[in-house]
Protein backbone atom coordinates (compact mmCIF):
# COMPACT_ATOMS: atom_id res chain seq x y z
CA MET A 1 62.49 -31.02 72.32
CA LEU A 2 58.95 -30.98 73.71
CA ASP A 3 55.93 -32.34 71.88
CA MET A 4 53.46 -30.06 73.62
CA VAL A 5 53.43 -27.03 75.88
CA ILE A 6 50.37 -26.09 77.91
CA LYS A 7 50.67 -22.48 78.94
CA GLY A 8 48.78 -19.76 80.72
CA GLY A 9 46.70 -21.92 83.04
CA THR A 10 46.32 -22.13 86.80
CA VAL A 11 47.99 -25.48 87.43
CA VAL A 12 47.43 -27.72 90.45
CA THR A 13 50.62 -29.61 91.30
CA PRO A 14 51.68 -31.71 94.32
CA SER A 15 53.54 -28.61 95.54
CA GLY A 16 50.58 -26.28 95.27
CA THR A 17 48.70 -24.18 92.75
CA GLY A 18 50.22 -21.50 90.56
CA GLN A 19 50.74 -20.10 87.10
CA TRP A 20 52.90 -22.74 85.48
CA ASP A 21 53.63 -24.01 82.02
CA ILE A 22 53.57 -27.77 81.42
CA GLY A 23 55.96 -29.43 78.98
CA ILE A 24 54.98 -32.83 77.58
CA SER A 25 57.27 -35.27 75.84
CA GLY A 26 55.65 -38.38 74.45
CA GLU A 27 53.15 -39.70 76.99
CA GLN A 28 54.68 -38.05 80.04
CA ILE A 29 55.04 -34.68 81.65
CA ALA A 30 58.63 -33.60 81.09
CA ALA A 31 58.61 -30.36 83.06
CA VAL A 32 56.49 -27.94 85.07
CA ALA A 33 58.08 -24.53 84.82
CA LEU A 34 57.58 -20.82 85.31
CA PRO A 35 55.77 -19.12 82.42
CA GLY A 36 57.92 -18.54 79.36
CA LEU A 37 60.79 -20.86 80.28
CA LEU A 38 59.82 -23.89 78.20
CA PRO A 39 60.94 -24.04 74.56
CA GLU A 40 57.95 -23.93 72.21
CA GLU A 41 59.73 -24.48 68.90
CA GLY A 42 58.34 -27.58 67.20
CA ALA A 43 55.82 -28.15 69.99
CA GLN A 44 52.03 -28.05 69.88
CA VAL A 45 51.03 -25.13 72.09
CA VAL A 46 47.79 -25.30 74.06
CA ASP A 47 46.60 -21.98 75.48
CA ALA A 48 45.01 -22.66 78.88
CA GLY A 49 44.70 -18.97 79.73
CA GLY A 50 41.92 -18.31 82.19
CA ARG A 51 41.44 -22.02 82.80
CA ILE A 52 42.37 -24.47 85.56
CA VAL A 53 44.55 -27.51 84.94
CA VAL A 54 44.12 -30.48 87.30
CA PRO A 55 45.19 -34.13 87.08
CA GLY A 56 42.88 -36.28 84.99
CA GLY A 57 40.12 -37.71 87.13
CA ILE A 58 40.27 -41.25 88.49
CA GLU A 59 36.98 -43.14 88.73
CA THR A 60 37.40 -45.82 91.38
CA HIS A 61 34.03 -47.49 91.01
CA ALA A 62 32.56 -48.57 87.66
CA HIS A 63 30.74 -51.73 86.59
CA ALA A 64 31.31 -52.09 82.86
CA ALA A 65 32.87 -55.40 81.78
CA ALA A 66 30.19 -57.43 83.56
CA ASN A 67 27.52 -55.88 81.38
CA VAL A 68 28.94 -57.29 78.15
CA GLN A 69 30.09 -60.75 79.15
CA PRO A 70 29.10 -63.55 76.75
CA GLY A 71 25.49 -64.41 77.47
CA ALA A 72 24.80 -61.29 79.52
CA ARG A 73 21.09 -60.50 79.54
CA GLU A 74 20.07 -57.22 77.93
CA LEU A 75 17.97 -55.26 80.39
CA VAL A 76 16.28 -53.55 77.47
CA ALA A 77 15.59 -55.87 74.55
CA GLY A 78 17.53 -54.70 71.52
CA VAL A 79 19.52 -52.11 73.46
CA PRO A 80 23.07 -53.26 74.29
CA ASN A 81 24.10 -52.84 77.90
CA ALA A 82 26.60 -50.10 78.65
CA GLY A 83 30.04 -51.66 78.55
CA PRO A 84 33.57 -50.24 78.64
CA ILE A 85 33.19 -48.16 75.49
CA GLU A 86 30.16 -46.27 76.86
CA HIS A 87 31.62 -45.84 80.33
CA SER A 88 34.99 -44.63 79.09
CA LEU A 89 33.36 -42.31 76.55
CA GLY A 90 31.38 -40.57 79.27
CA ALA A 91 34.45 -40.50 81.50
CA ILE A 92 36.77 -38.88 78.97
CA TRP A 93 34.20 -36.23 78.00
CA GLY A 94 33.92 -35.37 81.68
CA GLY A 95 37.64 -35.12 82.44
CA THR A 96 38.18 -38.59 83.92
CA THR A 97 41.14 -40.41 82.36
CA THR A 98 41.37 -43.63 84.39
CA VAL A 99 38.51 -45.99 85.28
CA ILE A 100 38.65 -48.97 87.64
CA ASP A 101 36.20 -51.81 87.01
CA PHE A 102 35.44 -55.05 88.89
CA ALA A 103 36.17 -58.68 88.03
CA PRO A 104 35.36 -61.87 89.98
CA VAL A 105 38.27 -64.07 91.01
CA PRO A 106 37.92 -67.58 89.54
CA ASN A 107 38.25 -70.57 91.83
CA GLU A 108 40.33 -72.74 89.51
CA GLY A 109 43.13 -72.46 87.01
CA ASP A 110 45.19 -69.36 86.34
CA LEU A 111 43.62 -66.63 88.48
CA VAL A 112 45.36 -63.82 86.63
CA ARG A 113 44.28 -65.16 83.28
CA GLY A 114 40.71 -65.31 84.57
CA ILE A 115 40.83 -61.63 85.53
CA HIS A 116 42.30 -60.68 82.15
CA GLU A 117 39.62 -62.65 80.34
CA PHE A 118 36.86 -60.94 82.28
CA ILE A 119 38.13 -57.44 81.48
CA GLU A 120 38.93 -58.32 77.87
CA PRO A 121 35.96 -56.17 76.69
CA TRP A 122 38.01 -53.10 77.66
CA ARG A 123 40.77 -53.87 75.17
CA GLY A 124 40.23 -51.75 72.08
CA ASN A 125 37.08 -50.25 73.62
CA ALA A 126 38.55 -47.70 76.02
CA TYR A 127 38.85 -43.95 75.69
CA THR A 128 40.48 -43.97 79.14
CA ASP A 129 43.13 -46.02 80.83
CA TYR A 130 41.71 -48.73 83.07
CA SER A 131 42.26 -51.38 85.71
CA THR A 132 40.07 -53.59 87.88
CA HIS A 133 39.38 -54.54 91.45
CA CYS A 134 39.09 -58.29 92.09
CA ILE A 135 35.99 -59.69 93.80
CA TYR A 136 35.93 -62.49 96.36
CA ASN A 137 32.62 -63.82 97.70
CA GLN A 138 30.95 -66.63 99.64
CA PHE A 139 31.72 -69.08 96.84
CA SER A 140 35.46 -68.38 96.79
CA THR A 141 37.54 -71.38 97.78
CA PRO A 142 40.26 -71.19 100.43
CA ASP A 143 42.76 -72.03 97.69
CA ALA A 144 41.67 -69.06 95.53
CA ILE A 145 41.92 -66.75 98.52
CA SER A 146 45.33 -68.11 99.49
CA ARG A 147 46.57 -67.35 95.95
CA TYR A 148 45.70 -63.65 96.20
CA GLY A 149 49.42 -62.85 95.97
CA GLU A 150 49.31 -63.88 92.30
CA LEU A 151 46.86 -61.02 91.65
CA VAL A 152 49.08 -58.52 93.45
CA ASN A 153 52.11 -59.58 91.42
CA ALA A 154 50.08 -59.12 88.24
CA GLY A 155 49.19 -55.53 89.14
CA PHE A 156 45.72 -56.08 90.65
CA PRO A 157 46.26 -55.32 94.37
CA SER A 158 42.73 -54.18 95.32
CA VAL A 159 39.92 -56.52 96.35
CA LYS A 160 36.19 -55.79 96.57
CA ILE A 161 33.82 -57.67 98.88
CA PHE A 162 30.13 -57.36 99.66
CA THR A 163 28.75 -57.98 103.13
CA THR A 164 25.24 -58.35 101.68
CA ASP A 165 23.50 -59.86 98.67
CA ILE A 166 21.71 -56.49 98.38
CA ARG A 167 18.39 -57.91 97.12
CA PRO A 168 16.30 -60.90 98.19
CA PRO A 169 16.57 -63.95 95.91
CA GLU A 170 13.62 -62.97 93.75
CA GLY A 171 15.28 -59.65 92.84
CA ARG A 172 18.79 -60.80 92.00
CA ALA A 173 17.99 -61.54 88.37
CA ASN A 174 17.99 -57.78 87.77
CA SER A 175 21.68 -57.47 88.59
CA LEU A 176 24.36 -57.60 85.91
CA THR A 177 27.18 -57.26 88.43
CA PRO A 178 28.74 -60.39 89.96
CA ILE A 179 28.01 -59.87 93.64
CA GLY A 180 27.55 -62.59 96.24
CA LYS A 181 28.15 -61.59 99.84
CA ILE A 182 31.14 -62.94 101.71
CA ASP A 183 30.93 -64.85 105.00
CA ALA A 184 32.97 -63.92 108.07
CA GLY A 185 35.37 -66.84 107.72
CA ARG A 186 36.32 -66.00 104.17
CA LEU A 187 36.46 -62.30 104.97
CA GLU A 188 39.01 -62.85 107.72
CA HIS A 189 41.04 -65.03 105.36
CA VAL A 190 40.87 -62.39 102.61
CA MET A 191 41.90 -59.66 105.04
CA ASN A 192 44.89 -61.65 106.27
CA GLU A 193 46.08 -62.32 102.72
CA ILE A 194 45.64 -58.68 101.68
CA ALA A 195 47.52 -57.45 104.74
CA ARG A 196 50.34 -59.92 104.07
CA HIS A 197 50.77 -58.98 100.42
CA GLY A 198 50.31 -55.19 100.62
CA GLY A 199 46.92 -54.76 99.01
CA VAL A 200 43.80 -52.87 99.95
CA LEU A 201 40.23 -53.99 100.59
CA ALA A 202 37.17 -52.18 99.21
CA VAL A 203 33.98 -52.92 101.15
CA HIS A 204 30.32 -52.65 100.22
CA GLY A 205 29.16 -52.58 103.82
CA GLU A 206 25.56 -53.44 104.72
CA ASP A 207 24.36 -55.91 107.35
CA ASP A 208 22.79 -58.68 105.28
CA GLU A 209 20.47 -60.15 107.91
CA LEU A 210 18.97 -56.77 108.65
CA VAL A 211 18.65 -55.92 104.95
CA MET A 212 16.74 -59.13 104.24
CA TYR A 213 14.50 -58.73 107.28
CA ASN A 214 13.77 -55.16 106.21
CA TYR A 215 12.47 -56.52 102.90
CA LEU A 216 10.09 -58.78 104.84
CA LEU A 217 8.91 -55.88 106.98
CA ALA A 218 8.39 -53.70 103.93
CA GLN A 219 6.17 -56.33 102.37
CA GLN A 220 4.09 -56.75 105.52
CA ARG A 221 3.77 -53.02 106.23
CA GLY A 222 2.85 -51.95 102.73
CA HIS A 223 6.18 -50.21 102.04
CA TRP A 224 6.75 -52.08 98.78
CA ASP A 225 6.89 -49.04 96.45
CA TRP A 226 10.34 -48.12 95.17
CA TYR A 227 10.45 -44.87 97.12
CA ASN A 228 10.81 -46.83 100.38
CA VAL A 229 14.14 -48.40 99.37
CA HIS A 230 16.03 -46.27 101.91
CA LEU A 231 14.01 -47.92 104.70
CA ILE A 232 15.51 -51.27 103.69
CA HIS A 233 19.06 -50.12 102.94
CA SER A 234 18.92 -48.04 106.07
CA LYS A 235 21.29 -46.02 108.19
CA THR A 236 21.41 -48.82 110.77
CA VAL A 237 22.31 -51.36 108.10
CA GLU A 238 25.38 -49.27 107.20
CA ASP A 239 26.36 -48.65 110.80
CA LEU A 240 26.35 -52.32 111.82
CA ALA A 241 28.32 -53.53 108.80
CA PHE A 242 30.91 -50.78 109.03
CA ARG A 243 31.53 -51.42 112.73
CA SER A 244 31.97 -55.18 112.39
CA THR A 245 34.22 -54.78 109.34
CA VAL A 246 36.44 -52.23 111.07
CA ARG A 247 36.78 -54.52 114.08
CA LEU A 248 37.95 -57.39 111.90
CA ALA A 249 40.25 -55.07 109.96
CA GLU A 250 41.81 -53.92 113.22
CA ARG A 251 42.54 -57.52 114.17
CA THR A 252 44.03 -58.45 110.80
CA GLY A 253 45.89 -55.20 110.10
CA VAL A 254 44.39 -54.70 106.65
CA GLY A 255 44.00 -51.32 104.99
CA LEU A 256 40.48 -50.76 103.71
CA TYR A 257 38.03 -48.28 102.33
CA PHE A 258 34.27 -48.27 102.35
CA VAL A 259 32.71 -47.69 98.96
CA HIS A 260 29.70 -45.40 98.45
CA VAL A 261 29.31 -44.18 102.04
CA THR A 262 25.73 -42.89 102.30
CA ALA A 263 24.97 -42.02 105.93
CA LYS A 264 26.32 -40.00 108.81
CA ASP A 265 26.32 -43.26 110.74
CA GLY A 266 28.84 -44.91 108.42
CA LEU A 267 30.90 -41.75 108.23
CA ASP A 268 31.08 -41.66 112.04
CA VAL A 269 32.54 -45.17 112.06
CA ILE A 270 35.21 -44.13 109.56
CA SER A 271 36.02 -40.98 111.53
CA GLU A 272 36.39 -42.94 114.75
CA ALA A 273 38.61 -45.56 113.13
CA ARG A 274 40.85 -42.90 111.59
CA SER A 275 41.12 -41.07 114.91
CA ASN A 276 42.42 -44.33 116.37
CA GLY A 277 45.11 -44.51 113.70
CA LEU A 278 43.56 -47.23 111.58
CA PRO A 279 44.13 -47.13 107.80
CA VAL A 280 40.43 -46.74 106.99
CA TYR A 281 39.20 -44.56 104.13
CA GLY A 282 35.88 -43.62 102.62
CA GLU A 283 34.53 -43.19 99.09
CA VAL A 284 31.45 -41.05 98.45
CA LEU A 285 29.33 -40.90 95.31
CA THR A 286 28.59 -37.61 93.61
CA LEU A 287 25.00 -38.92 93.61
CA ALA A 288 24.88 -38.93 97.42
CA LEU A 289 26.49 -35.48 97.58
CA SER A 290 23.89 -34.11 95.15
CA PHE A 291 20.56 -35.66 96.20
CA ASN A 292 18.71 -37.15 99.17
CA CYS A 293 16.00 -39.79 99.48
CA ASP A 294 13.21 -37.21 99.13
CA ARG A 295 13.93 -37.39 95.40
CA TYR A 296 12.62 -40.95 95.30
CA ARG A 297 9.09 -39.54 95.65
CA GLU A 298 9.24 -37.93 92.21
CA PRO A 299 7.25 -39.77 89.50
CA ASP A 300 10.49 -41.07 87.98
CA GLY A 301 12.45 -40.95 91.23
CA MET A 302 14.02 -44.33 90.47
CA LYS A 303 16.56 -42.48 88.31
CA TYR A 304 18.24 -41.23 91.51
CA HIS A 305 18.77 -44.69 92.94
CA THR A 306 21.79 -46.88 93.21
CA TYR A 307 22.59 -49.29 95.99
CA PRO A 308 22.84 -48.97 98.96
CA SER A 309 20.37 -46.00 98.70
CA LEU A 310 20.24 -42.30 99.20
CA LYS A 311 19.61 -41.20 102.77
CA TYR A 312 18.35 -37.97 104.34
CA GLU A 313 19.34 -34.34 103.91
CA GLU A 314 21.25 -34.43 107.21
CA ASP A 315 23.30 -37.29 105.83
CA ARG A 316 23.99 -35.50 102.54
CA LEU A 317 25.30 -32.46 104.40
CA ASN A 318 27.41 -34.63 106.70
CA LEU A 319 28.95 -36.36 103.70
CA TRP A 320 30.11 -32.98 102.45
CA ASP A 321 31.56 -32.23 105.89
CA GLY A 322 33.38 -35.56 105.84
CA LEU A 323 34.85 -34.80 102.43
CA HIS A 324 36.06 -31.38 103.55
CA ARG A 325 37.69 -32.67 106.73
CA SER A 326 39.33 -35.66 104.96
CA ASP A 327 37.40 -38.46 106.66
CA LEU A 328 36.03 -39.18 103.19
CA THR A 329 38.89 -39.65 100.78
CA PHE A 330 37.59 -39.42 97.23
CA THR A 331 34.47 -39.20 95.09
CA ALA A 332 33.24 -41.88 92.71
CA THR A 333 30.23 -42.87 90.63
CA ASP A 334 29.28 -46.57 90.95
CA SER A 335 28.80 -46.30 87.22
CA SER A 336 26.53 -48.86 85.60
CA PHE A 337 23.77 -47.54 83.42
CA THR A 338 21.10 -48.39 80.92
CA THR A 339 18.40 -46.36 79.20
CA TYR A 340 15.82 -44.15 80.87
CA LEU A 341 12.93 -46.54 80.18
CA ASP A 342 14.73 -49.41 81.87
CA LYS A 343 15.89 -47.25 84.75
CA ILE A 344 12.31 -46.34 85.62
CA ALA A 345 10.90 -49.82 84.92
CA GLY A 346 11.32 -51.10 88.48
CA ARG A 347 8.30 -49.99 90.51
CA ASN A 348 8.99 -51.67 93.85
CA VAL A 349 11.83 -52.11 96.33
CA VAL A 350 12.94 -55.40 94.75
CA ASP A 351 12.71 -54.49 91.08
CA VAL A 352 14.10 -50.94 91.30
CA ARG A 353 17.27 -50.74 89.22
CA GLY A 354 20.68 -49.97 90.68
CA GLY A 355 23.45 -48.27 88.79
CA ASN A 356 24.28 -44.65 88.18
CA ILE A 357 24.98 -42.59 85.07
CA GLY A 358 27.16 -39.94 86.71
CA ILE A 359 30.57 -40.83 85.30
CA GLU A 360 30.53 -37.91 82.87
CA ILE A 361 29.38 -35.21 85.30
CA ARG A 362 31.57 -36.13 88.29
CA MET A 363 34.44 -33.71 87.72
CA GLY A 364 32.30 -30.78 86.57
CA VAL A 365 29.56 -31.07 89.18
CA ASN A 366 32.12 -31.59 91.96
CA TYR A 367 33.97 -28.48 90.83
CA THR A 368 30.78 -26.40 90.92
CA GLU A 369 29.54 -27.72 94.24
CA ALA A 370 32.83 -28.05 96.11
CA VAL A 371 35.08 -25.29 94.77
CA VAL A 372 32.67 -22.60 93.58
CA LYS A 373 29.88 -22.99 96.12
CA GLN A 374 31.72 -24.29 99.19
CA GLY A 375 35.19 -22.83 98.81
CA MET A 376 37.13 -26.08 98.58
CA THR A 377 40.71 -25.39 97.56
CA LEU A 378 41.86 -26.51 94.14
CA GLU A 379 44.45 -28.72 95.82
CA ARG A 380 41.75 -30.52 97.80
CA PHE A 381 39.58 -30.78 94.69
CA ALA A 382 42.44 -32.52 92.88
CA ASP A 383 42.90 -34.81 95.89
CA VAL A 384 39.29 -35.98 96.04
CA THR A 385 38.85 -36.41 92.30
CA SER A 386 42.21 -37.96 91.43
CA THR A 387 45.27 -37.86 93.68
CA ASN A 388 43.99 -39.71 96.75
CA ALA A 389 42.56 -42.50 94.64
CA ALA A 390 45.88 -42.81 92.82
CA LYS A 391 47.75 -43.06 96.11
CA LEU A 392 45.44 -45.58 97.78
CA LEU A 393 45.03 -47.83 94.74
CA GLY A 394 48.62 -47.96 93.53
CA LEU A 395 48.59 -45.57 90.57
CA TYR A 396 50.61 -42.71 92.09
CA PRO A 397 52.72 -40.93 90.92
CA ARG A 398 52.15 -42.26 87.41
CA LYS A 399 48.57 -41.02 87.73
CA GLY A 400 47.02 -38.36 89.92
CA ALA A 401 49.80 -35.79 89.72
CA ILE A 402 50.97 -32.98 87.48
CA ALA A 403 54.69 -33.53 87.91
CA ALA A 404 57.72 -34.46 85.85
CA GLY A 405 57.62 -38.16 85.07
CA SER A 406 53.87 -38.55 85.55
CA ASP A 407 51.58 -39.52 82.71
CA ALA A 408 50.28 -36.44 80.92
CA ASP A 409 46.68 -37.05 82.01
CA LEU A 410 45.15 -33.61 82.31
CA CYS A 411 41.72 -32.12 82.81
CA ILE A 412 41.44 -28.44 81.87
CA ILE A 413 38.42 -26.74 83.43
CA ASP A 414 36.91 -23.54 82.09
CA PRO A 415 35.50 -21.59 85.07
CA SER A 416 33.57 -19.29 82.72
CA TYR A 417 31.38 -22.18 81.55
CA LYS A 418 28.04 -21.43 83.19
CA LYS A 419 24.76 -23.05 82.19
CA ALA A 420 22.05 -25.53 83.10
CA LEU A 421 23.04 -28.97 81.84
CA THR A 422 20.92 -30.43 79.06
CA MET A 423 21.09 -33.86 77.49
CA ALA A 424 22.69 -32.19 74.47
CA ASP A 425 25.70 -31.43 76.71
CA LEU A 426 26.17 -35.10 77.62
CA HIS A 427 27.27 -38.06 75.54
CA VAL A 428 25.96 -41.37 76.92
CA ARG A 429 22.42 -42.69 77.03
CA ASP A 430 19.21 -40.67 77.16
CA TYR A 431 18.83 -39.40 80.72
CA SER A 432 20.75 -37.90 83.62
CA PRO A 433 19.70 -37.12 87.19
CA TRP A 434 21.70 -33.91 86.72
CA GLU A 435 19.70 -32.68 83.73
CA GLY A 436 18.91 -29.04 84.50
CA TRP A 437 21.73 -28.80 87.09
CA GLU A 438 23.36 -25.38 87.11
CA VAL A 439 27.10 -25.73 86.59
CA ASP A 440 29.71 -23.05 87.14
CA GLY A 441 32.81 -24.40 85.40
CA TRP A 442 33.28 -27.49 83.23
CA PRO A 443 36.07 -29.62 81.67
CA THR A 444 36.68 -28.40 78.12
CA THR A 445 40.03 -30.01 77.24
CA VAL A 446 41.14 -33.49 78.30
CA LEU A 447 44.49 -35.21 77.68
CA LEU A 448 45.29 -38.89 78.09
CA ARG A 449 49.01 -39.66 78.22
CA GLY A 450 49.82 -36.59 76.16
CA LYS A 451 47.10 -37.02 73.55
CA VAL A 452 44.32 -34.44 73.33
CA MET A 453 41.19 -36.56 73.63
CA VAL A 454 38.57 -33.81 73.97
CA ASP A 455 38.87 -30.17 73.04
CA GLY A 456 36.41 -27.41 72.26
CA GLY A 457 33.39 -29.69 72.13
CA GLN A 458 35.04 -32.24 69.85
CA LEU A 459 36.06 -35.83 70.56
CA LEU A 460 39.56 -36.27 69.14
CA GLY A 461 40.57 -39.53 70.76
CA THR A 462 39.60 -43.04 69.74
CA ALA A 463 38.41 -46.11 71.59
CA ASP A 464 41.77 -47.85 71.27
CA ASP A 465 43.68 -45.11 73.11
CA GLY A 466 43.11 -46.57 76.58
CA GLN A 467 45.53 -49.02 78.17
CA LEU A 468 45.45 -51.45 81.07
CA ILE A 469 47.57 -49.96 83.86
CA PRO A 470 49.27 -52.28 86.40
CA ARG A 471 49.17 -51.07 89.98
CA LYS A 472 51.32 -51.44 93.09
CA ILE A 473 50.38 -49.81 96.40
CA ASP A 474 52.84 -47.85 98.49
CA PRO A 475 52.91 -49.20 102.08
CA ALA A 476 52.38 -45.79 103.73
CA PRO A 477 48.59 -45.48 103.37
CA LEU A 478 48.15 -49.11 104.46
CA SER A 479 49.59 -48.57 107.92
CA ARG A 480 47.87 -45.34 108.99
CA PRO A 481 45.47 -42.69 107.68
CA ALA A 482 47.91 -41.03 105.26
CA PHE A 483 45.50 -38.56 103.61
């Protein structure tokens, strides 16, 4: 007997798109069948007629637990920072059912316990399922790096590193995220360990020496206003870091992906590496697909910024091309947000706030821009919003697929939903760079492991519905460009 039948929708499965009915038993998909073949007696029936059913979105890039660590500074006095409950609330309203955070690897003691303690704020505060990448940096000891295999065995196979400190020392107090660039010696060691244990490396790639010198030049040349941030986190900065990282990855045999690719220059490096058979992938933010650095010139143009920075219109268009031709693998958010007043408080290139509030709009805006406006297939849309991330990060086929045995994580999109977004349509904080954005289709029903979390404008799930999901990566995408 089935607990739920979803019928009448256009369903995107690993085998293609068609008119299918979905049978759910407990938390999993039990069957995908031709219309009318599934027994409905005793089952909750969801009519998806006229709507599109895709796998629940997977957000690969969110900074949430760091914001609510004991002693974390509130960026706005009296306004709690956005932690897991706010991030997952926005995610589930927008059709994203799994969120991956970041946690620093401790240098001593039980490494796995340290990761669990850092992401403890998610437990009981998650409308979505969740996991975390593990961060190594310049302060990581050789012993902690050598013990990376313990993290893999515990279900945390992905590592994040930064090749830059992003801001000069005087600006780092504005960051809630544990960063700290990594040096070349530690990076090679990390890569060797990841390659040996079957993990994947996520890279924030910017050349640190050039970034810091660009800050000095900006000060001397009178380019200190926030709207010059793209001159510091420049196209050249991305190009240099991507090239050196790919070279080291080639020597160590590690599979990697570059987070928040912003420029044609970085995309070209990824394309070249993939053409040479290297397992190199690219993540792109919906922010960078939607806006360019001209937006910084608006009176409150800081609201469009997250690090590295937006680039030029040519770059934005090239990022779309890269996503269509598969040199960019999936979309993400770099979610970390506060209130509008804090977001616009930074008035220069050091104080300007990072972070992005796009976790709720990612699925809907990507559907409008990619499928409706640019003709992306529904299969490719599912790939770049869910399936590819699941495959690269060790969640597939439990996540990222509408297939028997997969978790019943579903995003049902209504293509007749057409309007300009207002803040009344959104559910976290008090601003959005996409306010006024014309959307043509939007998630209206969202399921997490068989439970209807959102339906018809109502939140039906609770903050204790989300679970920590262990991950293990299939070797295929780590040896060659598999998708």
